[in-house]
Structures are given as C-alpha cells and as structure tokens.
Amino acid sequence: MTGSRRWYWRWGRCLTAMAWVLAAAVACCWLRPEAASAADPDPDLEAVQAVCGRCHTIAVFLNKPRSWNRWNDVFADMTQRGANGTDDQLVGVTRYFLRNLTYVNLNTSPAEELTGVLGIGDDVAQDIIARRQRRRFENIAQLRAVPGVDAAIVEQRKGRILF
C-alpha cells in the first residue's frame, strides 16, 4: 500500500469511528426513549435490522449484552467491514444498543451511558454520579431510591446493571 493510500485508509477509519461516537452522543444527550404500545413497531429495532441485518441476522448479538466500550469496538469493526446507514439509522442503532444490550456500572459509567441504559435525563444521571461520589451503590434498591429513576425500567434492565 502506498503512503497516500495508507493515510487515506487510516483517515477514513478515523472518520467512521468519529461518526459512531457522534451518533452515540446524540442518542444519549438529545433523544429519549418514547412510550410505545406493544403493538407499535420499534423504529430503533427497524434501524438495527436495516443497518446490521444487511450482512447477518440480528440474532448474532441479541441477548448478548456488552459494555458500551465493547460495543463501540464492534461498531468500528463493522463499519470497517462496510456497515453504514443514514444518520437517523445510526442514531436508532445507538439508542437500541444502549437501551437493550449494554451493561452499565452505577459506580463507574459516565453520564451518557447512565442516561441511555437507564432511560433517565442528564439531571438524574448527575444525581447518580454525585451519590456514588459520596457512597458507592451496592444494590438495586439504592438506585431505585434516587429521585427520577423509573422503577419499572430498573426492573426490566436490572440484569445489565452492575455495581
């Protein structure tokens, strides 16, 4: 590979990774999960099927949660292999993975991960961070006691909440 091609390849890889990071930031900080009935199709799942389902079935990763850092590694790898989508699709993919397939550690995860996984606002995430700086979280009951945390969401996602 010539020097200019190698530089172009590395620059393209960097831009792709930056696009996923930007999509994650938008999904975490700007967009919130909306209430939907069970009969309503999940537009985020449709985005996952459109982007990820081009090359493989989504069963490959469903019910296999990982840390957000690990998912970002997977996103970078898949992007390098040719995965792409519209900005809206990438935001939907990010939101879906955070809500459904990402572990969060209450004592170490940044606010962006807390908001995405727990379905909370930035203010509640900051309250969790302030609380853990005073005293580490040890159980789900302590999380439920934080004002603004939805007990139903915590119950639904408790298998992915770490301490």
N, C-alpha and C. Protein backbone atom coordinates (compact mmCIF):
# COMPACT_ATOMS: atom_id res chain seq x y z
N MET A 1 0.85 -1.16 0.00
CA MET A 1 0.00 0.00 0.00
C MET A 1 0.91 1.23 0.00
N THR A 2 0.64 2.18 -0.89
CA THR A 2 1.46 3.38 -0.93
C THR A 2 1.15 4.26 0.27
N GLY A 3 2.04 5.22 0.54
CA GLY A 3 1.88 6.11 1.68
C GLY A 3 0.58 6.89 1.65
N SER A 4 0.20 7.42 0.47
CA SER A 4 -1.03 8.20 0.39
C SER A 4 -2.26 7.33 0.58
N ARG A 5 -2.25 6.12 0.07
CA ARG A 5 -3.38 5.21 0.27
C ARG A 5 -3.51 4.80 1.73
N ARG A 6 -2.38 4.53 2.37
CA ARG A 6 -2.39 4.16 3.78
C ARG A 6 -2.96 5.31 4.61
N TRP A 7 -2.56 6.54 4.33
CA TRP A 7 -3.08 7.69 5.05
C TRP A 7 -4.57 7.84 4.83
N TYR A 8 -5.01 7.68 3.59
CA TYR A 8 -6.44 7.80 3.27
C TYR A 8 -7.24 6.73 4.01
N TRP A 9 -6.74 5.50 4.06
CA TRP A 9 -7.43 4.41 4.74
C TRP A 9 -7.54 4.70 6.22
N ARG A 10 -6.44 5.15 6.84
CA ARG A 10 -6.47 5.47 8.27
C ARG A 10 -7.41 6.63 8.55
N TRP A 11 -7.39 7.66 7.71
CA TRP A 11 -8.27 8.81 7.90
C TRP A 11 -9.73 8.39 7.77
N GLY A 12 -10.05 7.56 6.80
CA GLY A 12 -11.42 7.07 6.63
C GLY A 12 -11.87 6.27 7.84
N ARG A 13 -11.00 5.45 8.37
CA ARG A 13 -11.31 4.66 9.57
C ARG A 13 -11.57 5.57 10.76
N CYS A 14 -10.78 6.61 10.90
CA CYS A 14 -10.95 7.57 11.99
C CYS A 14 -12.28 8.30 11.86
N LEU A 15 -12.62 8.73 10.64
CA LEU A 15 -13.88 9.43 10.42
C LEU A 15 -15.07 8.52 10.72
N THR A 16 -14.98 7.26 10.36
CA THR A 16 -16.05 6.32 10.63
C THR A 16 -16.24 6.15 12.13
N ALA A 17 -15.17 5.98 12.86
CA ALA A 17 -15.26 5.84 14.32
C ALA A 17 -15.85 7.11 14.93
N MET A 18 -15.45 8.27 14.42
CA MET A 18 -15.99 9.53 14.93
C MET A 18 -17.49 9.63 14.66
N ALA A 19 -17.96 9.11 13.54
CA ALA A 19 -19.39 9.14 13.22
C ALA A 19 -20.17 8.32 14.23
N TRP A 20 -19.65 7.13 14.61
CA TRP A 20 -20.35 6.31 15.61
C TRP A 20 -20.37 7.02 16.96
N VAL A 21 -19.25 7.64 17.34
CA VAL A 21 -19.20 8.36 18.61
C VAL A 21 -20.20 9.51 18.61
N LEU A 22 -20.27 10.24 17.50
CA LEU A 22 -21.23 11.33 17.38
C LEU A 22 -22.66 10.81 17.48
N ALA A 23 -22.95 9.72 16.82
CA ALA A 23 -24.29 9.13 16.90
C ALA A 23 -24.62 8.74 18.33
N ALA A 24 -23.65 8.18 19.05
CA ALA A 24 -23.88 7.80 20.44
C ALA A 24 -24.14 9.02 21.30
N ALA A 25 -23.38 10.08 21.09
CA ALA A 25 -23.57 11.30 21.87
C ALA A 25 -24.94 11.91 21.62
N VAL A 26 -25.35 11.94 20.38
CA VAL A 26 -26.68 12.48 20.05
C VAL A 26 -27.76 11.65 20.70
N ALA A 27 -27.64 10.35 20.60
CA ALA A 27 -28.66 9.47 21.17
C ALA A 27 -28.74 9.60 22.68
N CYS A 28 -27.60 9.74 23.33
CA CYS A 28 -27.59 9.80 24.79
C CYS A 28 -28.04 11.16 25.32
N CYS A 29 -27.62 12.21 24.68
CA CYS A 29 -27.84 13.53 25.23
C CYS A 29 -29.07 14.24 24.70
N TRP A 30 -29.56 13.85 23.55
CA TRP A 30 -30.63 14.60 22.93
C TRP A 30 -31.92 13.82 22.85
N LEU A 31 -31.83 12.57 22.52
CA LEU A 31 -33.03 11.77 22.30
C LEU A 31 -33.33 10.91 23.51
N ARG A 32 -34.60 10.76 23.82
CA ARG A 32 -35.05 9.93 24.93
C ARG A 32 -36.00 8.88 24.40
N PRO A 33 -36.05 7.72 25.04
CA PRO A 33 -36.99 6.70 24.60
C PRO A 33 -38.42 7.21 24.77
N GLU A 34 -39.26 6.96 23.78
CA GLU A 34 -40.65 7.37 23.84
C GLU A 34 -41.48 6.18 24.28
N ALA A 35 -42.60 6.48 24.91
CA ALA A 35 -43.53 5.42 25.31
C ALA A 35 -44.21 4.89 24.05
N ALA A 36 -44.32 3.60 23.95
CA ALA A 36 -44.97 2.98 22.80
C ALA A 36 -45.71 1.75 23.27
N SER A 37 -46.79 1.46 22.61
CA SER A 37 -47.54 0.26 22.96
C SER A 37 -46.82 -0.95 22.37
N ALA A 38 -47.16 -2.12 22.89
CA ALA A 38 -46.52 -3.35 22.42
C ALA A 38 -46.79 -3.60 20.94
N ALA A 39 -47.91 -3.07 20.42
CA ALA A 39 -48.26 -3.28 19.02
C ALA A 39 -47.46 -2.38 18.09
N ASP A 40 -46.91 -1.28 18.62
CA ASP A 40 -46.14 -0.36 17.78
C ASP A 40 -44.80 -0.97 17.42
N PRO A 41 -44.39 -0.85 16.16
CA PRO A 41 -43.06 -1.34 15.80
C PRO A 41 -42.00 -0.43 16.43
N ASP A 42 -40.88 -1.00 16.78
CA ASP A 42 -39.79 -0.23 17.38
C ASP A 42 -38.93 0.32 16.24
N PRO A 43 -38.96 1.64 16.02
CA PRO A 43 -38.17 2.19 14.91
C PRO A 43 -36.66 1.97 15.10
N ASP A 44 -36.22 1.89 16.36
CA ASP A 44 -34.80 1.65 16.60
C ASP A 44 -34.42 0.21 16.21
N LEU A 45 -35.30 -0.74 16.51
CA LEU A 45 -35.04 -2.11 16.09
C LEU A 45 -35.07 -2.21 14.57
N GLU A 46 -35.97 -1.48 13.94
CA GLU A 46 -36.00 -1.45 12.47
C GLU A 46 -34.68 -0.90 11.92
N ALA A 47 -34.12 0.12 12.59
CA ALA A 47 -32.83 0.67 12.16
C ALA A 47 -31.73 -0.38 12.32
N VAL A 48 -31.76 -1.11 13.43
CA VAL A 48 -30.78 -2.19 13.65
C VAL A 48 -30.89 -3.23 12.54
N GLN A 49 -32.12 -3.62 12.22
CA GLN A 49 -32.31 -4.62 11.17
C GLN A 49 -31.83 -4.09 9.82
N ALA A 50 -32.06 -2.80 9.56
CA ALA A 50 -31.65 -2.22 8.28
C ALA A 50 -30.13 -2.12 8.18
N VAL A 51 -29.46 -1.70 9.25
CA VAL A 51 -28.01 -1.49 9.21
C VAL A 51 -27.26 -2.80 9.41
N CYS A 52 -27.59 -3.51 10.47
CA CYS A 52 -26.84 -4.72 10.83
C CYS A 52 -27.30 -5.94 10.03
N GLY A 53 -28.60 -5.95 9.70
CA GLY A 53 -29.18 -7.09 9.02
C GLY A 53 -28.79 -7.22 7.56
N ARG A 54 -28.07 -6.26 7.04
CA ARG A 54 -27.60 -6.36 5.65
C ARG A 54 -26.60 -7.50 5.48
N CYS A 55 -25.83 -7.77 6.53
CA CYS A 55 -24.76 -8.77 6.41
C CYS A 55 -25.00 -10.03 7.24
N HIS A 56 -25.78 -9.92 8.30
CA HIS A 56 -26.01 -11.07 9.17
C HIS A 56 -27.33 -10.88 9.91
N THR A 57 -27.82 -11.94 10.50
CA THR A 57 -29.06 -11.82 11.27
C THR A 57 -28.74 -11.11 12.58
N ILE A 58 -29.75 -10.44 13.13
CA ILE A 58 -29.51 -9.74 14.39
C ILE A 58 -29.46 -10.71 15.56
N ALA A 59 -29.83 -11.97 15.33
CA ALA A 59 -29.72 -12.98 16.38
C ALA A 59 -28.27 -13.18 16.82
N VAL A 60 -27.34 -12.74 15.99
CA VAL A 60 -25.91 -12.87 16.30
C VAL A 60 -25.58 -12.14 17.60
N PHE A 61 -26.25 -11.03 17.88
CA PHE A 61 -25.90 -10.24 19.06
C PHE A 61 -27.06 -10.02 20.03
N LEU A 62 -28.29 -10.35 19.65
CA LEU A 62 -29.40 -10.17 20.57
C LEU A 62 -29.20 -11.05 21.80
N ASN A 63 -29.58 -10.53 22.95
CA ASN A 63 -29.43 -11.25 24.23
C ASN A 63 -27.97 -11.52 24.58
N LYS A 64 -27.06 -10.69 24.05
CA LYS A 64 -25.64 -10.82 24.38
C LYS A 64 -25.11 -9.44 24.77
N PRO A 65 -25.53 -8.93 25.93
CA PRO A 65 -25.10 -7.58 26.32
C PRO A 65 -23.59 -7.49 26.53
N ARG A 66 -23.10 -6.28 26.33
CA ARG A 66 -21.68 -5.98 26.49
C ARG A 66 -21.56 -4.58 27.07
N SER A 67 -20.35 -4.20 27.43
CA SER A 67 -20.12 -2.83 27.87
C SER A 67 -20.22 -1.89 26.66
N TRP A 68 -20.45 -0.62 26.91
CA TRP A 68 -20.55 0.34 25.82
C TRP A 68 -19.22 0.45 25.07
N ASN A 69 -18.11 0.37 25.79
CA ASN A 69 -16.80 0.40 25.12
C ASN A 69 -16.66 -0.78 24.16
N ARG A 70 -17.11 -1.94 24.59
CA ARG A 70 -17.02 -3.12 23.71
C ARG A 70 -17.92 -2.96 22.49
N TRP A 71 -19.13 -2.42 22.69
CA TRP A 71 -20.00 -2.19 21.54
C TRP A 71 -19.36 -1.20 20.57
N ASN A 72 -18.70 -0.18 21.07
CA ASN A 72 -18.03 0.76 20.18
C ASN A 72 -16.94 0.09 19.37
N ASP A 73 -16.23 -0.87 19.97
CA ASP A 73 -15.24 -1.66 19.21
C ASP A 73 -15.93 -2.45 18.10
N VAL A 74 -17.08 -3.05 18.43
CA VAL A 74 -17.83 -3.82 17.43
C VAL A 74 -18.31 -2.89 16.31
N PHE A 75 -18.84 -1.71 16.67
CA PHE A 75 -19.31 -0.75 15.67
C PHE A 75 -18.17 -0.34 14.73
N ALA A 76 -17.01 -0.08 15.30
CA ALA A 76 -15.86 0.32 14.47
C ALA A 76 -15.47 -0.82 13.52
N ASP A 77 -15.47 -2.05 14.02
CA ASP A 77 -15.14 -3.20 13.18
C ASP A 77 -16.16 -3.37 12.07
N MET A 78 -17.43 -3.29 12.40
CA MET A 78 -18.48 -3.47 11.39
C MET A 78 -18.45 -2.35 10.35
N THR A 79 -18.17 -1.14 10.80
CA THR A 79 -18.08 -0.02 9.87
C THR A 79 -16.92 -0.23 8.91
N GLN A 80 -15.82 -0.73 9.44
CA GLN A 80 -14.66 -1.02 8.60
C GLN A 80 -14.98 -2.11 7.57
N ARG A 81 -15.89 -3.00 7.92
CA ARG A 81 -16.28 -4.08 7.00
C ARG A 81 -17.37 -3.65 6.03
N GLY A 82 -17.84 -2.41 6.16
CA GLY A 82 -18.80 -1.89 5.19
C GLY A 82 -20.17 -1.52 5.72
N ALA A 83 -20.41 -1.72 7.01
CA ALA A 83 -21.71 -1.34 7.57
C ALA A 83 -21.88 0.17 7.49
N ASN A 84 -23.07 0.59 7.08
CA ASN A 84 -23.35 2.01 7.03
C ASN A 84 -24.85 2.21 7.11
N GLY A 85 -25.25 3.45 7.27
CA GLY A 85 -26.66 3.78 7.34
C GLY A 85 -26.81 5.29 7.34
N THR A 86 -28.04 5.72 7.31
CA THR A 86 -28.30 7.16 7.39
C THR A 86 -28.00 7.63 8.81
N ASP A 87 -27.91 8.94 8.98
CA ASP A 87 -27.68 9.48 10.33
C ASP A 87 -28.79 9.03 11.27
N ASP A 88 -30.04 9.07 10.82
CA ASP A 88 -31.16 8.64 11.65
C ASP A 88 -31.06 7.17 12.02
N GLN A 89 -30.65 6.34 11.08
CA GLN A 89 -30.49 4.91 11.37
C GLN A 89 -29.39 4.69 12.40
N LEU A 90 -28.28 5.39 12.27
CA LEU A 90 -27.17 5.21 13.20
C LEU A 90 -27.56 5.66 14.61
N VAL A 91 -28.33 6.74 14.70
CA VAL A 91 -28.82 7.18 16.00
C VAL A 91 -29.75 6.12 16.57
N GLY A 92 -30.62 5.55 15.75
CA GLY A 92 -31.52 4.49 16.20
C GLY A 92 -30.77 3.26 16.67
N VAL A 93 -29.74 2.86 15.93
CA VAL A 93 -28.91 1.72 16.32
C VAL A 93 -28.28 1.99 17.68
N THR A 94 -27.71 3.16 17.83
CA THR A 94 -27.06 3.54 19.09
C THR A 94 -28.06 3.48 20.24
N ARG A 95 -29.20 4.07 20.04
CA ARG A 95 -30.23 4.11 21.09
C ARG A 95 -30.68 2.68 21.44
N TYR A 96 -30.89 1.84 20.42
CA TYR A 96 -31.32 0.46 20.66
C TYR A 96 -30.28 -0.31 21.48
N PHE A 97 -29.02 -0.20 21.09
CA PHE A 97 -27.98 -0.95 21.80
C PHE A 97 -27.85 -0.47 23.24
N LEU A 98 -27.96 0.84 23.47
CA LEU A 98 -27.88 1.35 24.83
C LEU A 98 -29.06 0.85 25.66
N ARG A 99 -30.25 0.95 25.13
CA ARG A 99 -31.45 0.56 25.89
C ARG A 99 -31.55 -0.94 26.12
N ASN A 100 -31.06 -1.73 25.20
CA ASN A 100 -31.34 -3.16 25.24
C ASN A 100 -30.15 -4.09 25.40
N LEU A 101 -28.95 -3.65 25.10
CA LEU A 101 -27.82 -4.58 25.02
C LEU A 101 -26.54 -4.11 25.71
N THR A 102 -26.65 -3.10 26.55
CA THR A 102 -25.44 -2.54 27.16
C THR A 102 -25.47 -2.67 28.67
N TYR A 103 -24.36 -3.14 29.23
CA TYR A 103 -24.17 -3.15 30.68
C TYR A 103 -23.83 -1.72 31.12
N VAL A 104 -24.25 -1.38 32.34
CA VAL A 104 -23.87 -0.09 32.91
C VAL A 104 -23.43 -0.35 34.35
N ASN A 105 -22.33 0.28 34.76
CA ASN A 105 -21.86 0.16 36.13
C ASN A 105 -22.20 1.46 36.84
N LEU A 106 -23.06 1.37 37.84
CA LEU A 106 -23.51 2.57 38.54
C LEU A 106 -22.37 3.34 39.20
N ASN A 107 -21.29 2.66 39.52
CA ASN A 107 -20.20 3.29 40.25
C ASN A 107 -19.08 3.81 39.35
N THR A 108 -19.13 3.50 38.05
CA THR A 108 -18.03 3.94 37.18
C THR A 108 -18.46 4.50 35.83
N SER A 109 -19.64 4.16 35.35
CA SER A 109 -20.05 4.57 34.00
C SER A 109 -20.29 6.07 33.91
N PRO A 110 -19.95 6.66 32.76
CA PRO A 110 -20.19 8.09 32.57
C PRO A 110 -21.69 8.39 32.42
N ALA A 111 -22.03 9.65 32.55
CA ALA A 111 -23.42 10.10 32.49
C ALA A 111 -24.12 9.66 31.21
N GLU A 112 -23.43 9.70 30.08
CA GLU A 112 -24.04 9.35 28.79
C GLU A 112 -24.53 7.90 28.78
N GLU A 113 -23.75 7.01 29.38
CA GLU A 113 -24.16 5.61 29.45
C GLU A 113 -25.31 5.43 30.43
N LEU A 114 -25.26 6.13 31.55
CA LEU A 114 -26.35 6.05 32.52
C LEU A 114 -27.66 6.50 31.90
N THR A 115 -27.64 7.61 31.17
CA THR A 115 -28.88 8.11 30.55
C THR A 115 -29.43 7.12 29.54
N GLY A 116 -28.57 6.56 28.71
CA GLY A 116 -29.02 5.64 27.67
C GLY A 116 -29.54 4.33 28.20
N VAL A 117 -28.82 3.73 29.13
CA VAL A 117 -29.20 2.41 29.63
C VAL A 117 -30.37 2.50 30.61
N LEU A 118 -30.37 3.52 31.46
CA LEU A 118 -31.41 3.63 32.49
C LEU A 118 -32.62 4.44 32.05
N GLY A 119 -32.56 5.06 30.86
CA GLY A 119 -33.69 5.84 30.38
C GLY A 119 -33.98 7.05 31.25
N ILE A 120 -32.94 7.72 31.71
CA ILE A 120 -33.08 8.87 32.60
C ILE A 120 -32.54 10.12 31.91
N GLY A 121 -32.86 11.26 32.48
CA GLY A 121 -32.34 12.52 31.97
C GLY A 121 -30.95 12.82 32.51
N ASP A 122 -30.32 13.83 31.93
CA ASP A 122 -28.98 14.22 32.35
C ASP A 122 -28.94 14.62 33.83
N ASP A 123 -30.00 15.29 34.30
CA ASP A 123 -30.02 15.73 35.69
C ASP A 123 -30.03 14.53 36.65
N VAL A 124 -30.78 13.50 36.34
CA VAL A 124 -30.82 12.30 37.19
C VAL A 124 -29.47 11.58 37.11
N ALA A 125 -28.87 11.53 35.94
CA ALA A 125 -27.54 10.91 35.81
C ALA A 125 -26.53 11.64 36.69
N GLN A 126 -26.61 12.97 36.71
CA GLN A 126 -25.70 13.74 37.55
C GLN A 126 -25.96 13.48 39.03
N ASP A 127 -27.24 13.27 39.40
CA ASP A 127 -27.56 12.91 40.78
C ASP A 127 -26.97 11.55 41.15
N ILE A 128 -27.00 10.61 40.22
CA ILE A 128 -26.40 9.29 40.47
C ILE A 128 -24.90 9.43 40.66
N ILE A 129 -24.27 10.23 39.82
CA ILE A 129 -22.82 10.43 39.92
C ILE A 129 -22.46 11.10 41.25
N ALA A 130 -23.25 12.11 41.64
CA ALA A 130 -23.00 12.78 42.92
C ALA A 130 -23.16 11.80 44.08
N ARG A 131 -24.18 10.96 44.01
CA ARG A 131 -24.44 9.97 45.06
C ARG A 131 -23.30 8.97 45.17
N ARG A 132 -22.80 8.49 44.03
CA ARG A 132 -21.74 7.48 44.07
C ARG A 132 -20.41 8.07 44.53
N GLN A 133 -20.23 9.39 44.39
CA GLN A 133 -19.01 10.01 44.90
C GLN A 133 -19.01 10.06 46.42
N ARG A 134 -20.21 10.14 47.01
CA ARG A 134 -20.33 10.14 48.47
C ARG A 134 -20.29 8.71 49.01
N ARG A 135 -21.00 7.81 48.32
CA ARG A 135 -21.13 6.43 48.77
C ARG A 135 -21.46 5.56 47.56
N ARG A 136 -20.68 4.52 47.38
CA ARG A 136 -20.87 3.63 46.24
C ARG A 136 -22.24 2.95 46.30
N PHE A 137 -22.80 2.68 45.14
CA PHE A 137 -24.02 1.89 45.05
C PHE A 137 -23.67 0.43 45.31
N GLU A 138 -24.53 -0.24 46.06
CA GLU A 138 -24.29 -1.64 46.37
C GLU A 138 -25.42 -2.55 45.91
N ASN A 139 -26.61 -1.95 45.61
CA ASN A 139 -27.73 -2.77 45.20
C ASN A 139 -28.76 -1.95 44.42
N ILE A 140 -29.71 -2.65 43.84
CA ILE A 140 -30.75 -2.03 43.02
C ILE A 140 -31.64 -1.11 43.85
N ALA A 141 -31.91 -1.49 45.09
CA ALA A 141 -32.77 -0.67 45.95
C ALA A 141 -32.20 0.74 46.11
N GLN A 142 -30.90 0.86 46.21
CA GLN A 142 -30.28 2.18 46.33
C GLN A 142 -30.47 3.00 45.06
N LEU A 143 -30.45 2.35 43.92
CA LEU A 143 -30.70 3.06 42.66
C LEU A 143 -32.15 3.51 42.59
N ARG A 144 -33.06 2.63 42.96
CA ARG A 144 -34.49 2.99 42.93
C ARG A 144 -34.79 4.18 43.83
N ALA A 145 -34.00 4.38 44.87
CA ALA A 145 -34.22 5.48 45.82
C ALA A 145 -33.83 6.84 45.25
N VAL A 146 -33.12 6.86 44.14
CA VAL A 146 -32.71 8.13 43.53
C VAL A 146 -33.94 8.75 42.84
N PRO A 147 -34.31 9.97 43.22
CA PRO A 147 -35.47 10.61 42.58
C PRO A 147 -35.28 10.72 41.07
N GLY A 148 -36.34 10.37 40.33
CA GLY A 148 -36.30 10.45 38.88
C GLY A 148 -35.98 9.14 38.19
N VAL A 149 -35.60 8.13 38.96
CA VAL A 149 -35.31 6.81 38.39
C VAL A 149 -36.61 6.04 38.30
N ASP A 150 -36.91 5.51 37.13
CA ASP A 150 -38.15 4.75 36.90
C ASP A 150 -37.94 3.31 37.36
N ALA A 151 -38.68 2.91 38.40
CA ALA A 151 -38.53 1.57 38.97
C ALA A 151 -38.85 0.48 37.94
N ALA A 152 -39.79 0.74 37.04
CA ALA A 152 -40.15 -0.26 36.03
C ALA A 152 -38.99 -0.49 35.06
N ILE A 153 -38.32 0.58 34.66
CA ILE A 153 -37.16 0.44 33.77
C ILE A 153 -36.03 -0.28 34.49
N VAL A 154 -35.80 0.08 35.75
CA VAL A 154 -34.76 -0.59 36.53
C VAL A 154 -35.06 -2.09 36.63
N GLU A 155 -36.30 -2.43 36.90
CA GLU A 155 -36.68 -3.84 36.99
C GLU A 155 -36.42 -4.56 35.66
N GLN A 156 -36.81 -3.91 34.57
CA GLN A 156 -36.64 -4.51 33.24
C GLN A 156 -35.17 -4.70 32.90
N ARG A 157 -34.32 -3.79 33.32
CA ARG A 157 -32.91 -3.81 32.91
C ARG A 157 -31.95 -4.21 34.02
N LYS A 158 -32.44 -4.70 35.12
CA LYS A 158 -31.60 -4.96 36.29
C LYS A 158 -30.50 -5.98 36.02
N GLY A 159 -30.69 -6.87 35.08
CA GLY A 159 -29.66 -7.84 34.73
C GLY A 159 -28.45 -7.22 34.07
N ARG A 160 -28.59 -5.97 33.63
CA ARG A 160 -27.48 -5.28 32.96
C ARG A 160 -26.92 -4.14 33.82
N ILE A 161 -27.37 -4.05 35.08
CA ILE A 161 -26.90 -3.00 35.98
C ILE A 161 -25.89 -3.62 36.92
N LEU A 162 -24.68 -3.09 36.88
CA LEU A 162 -23.57 -3.62 37.67
C LEU A 162 -23.18 -2.62 38.76
N PHE A 163 -22.46 -3.13 39.77
CA PHE A 163 -22.01 -2.28 40.88
C PHE A 163 -20.52 -2.37 41.07
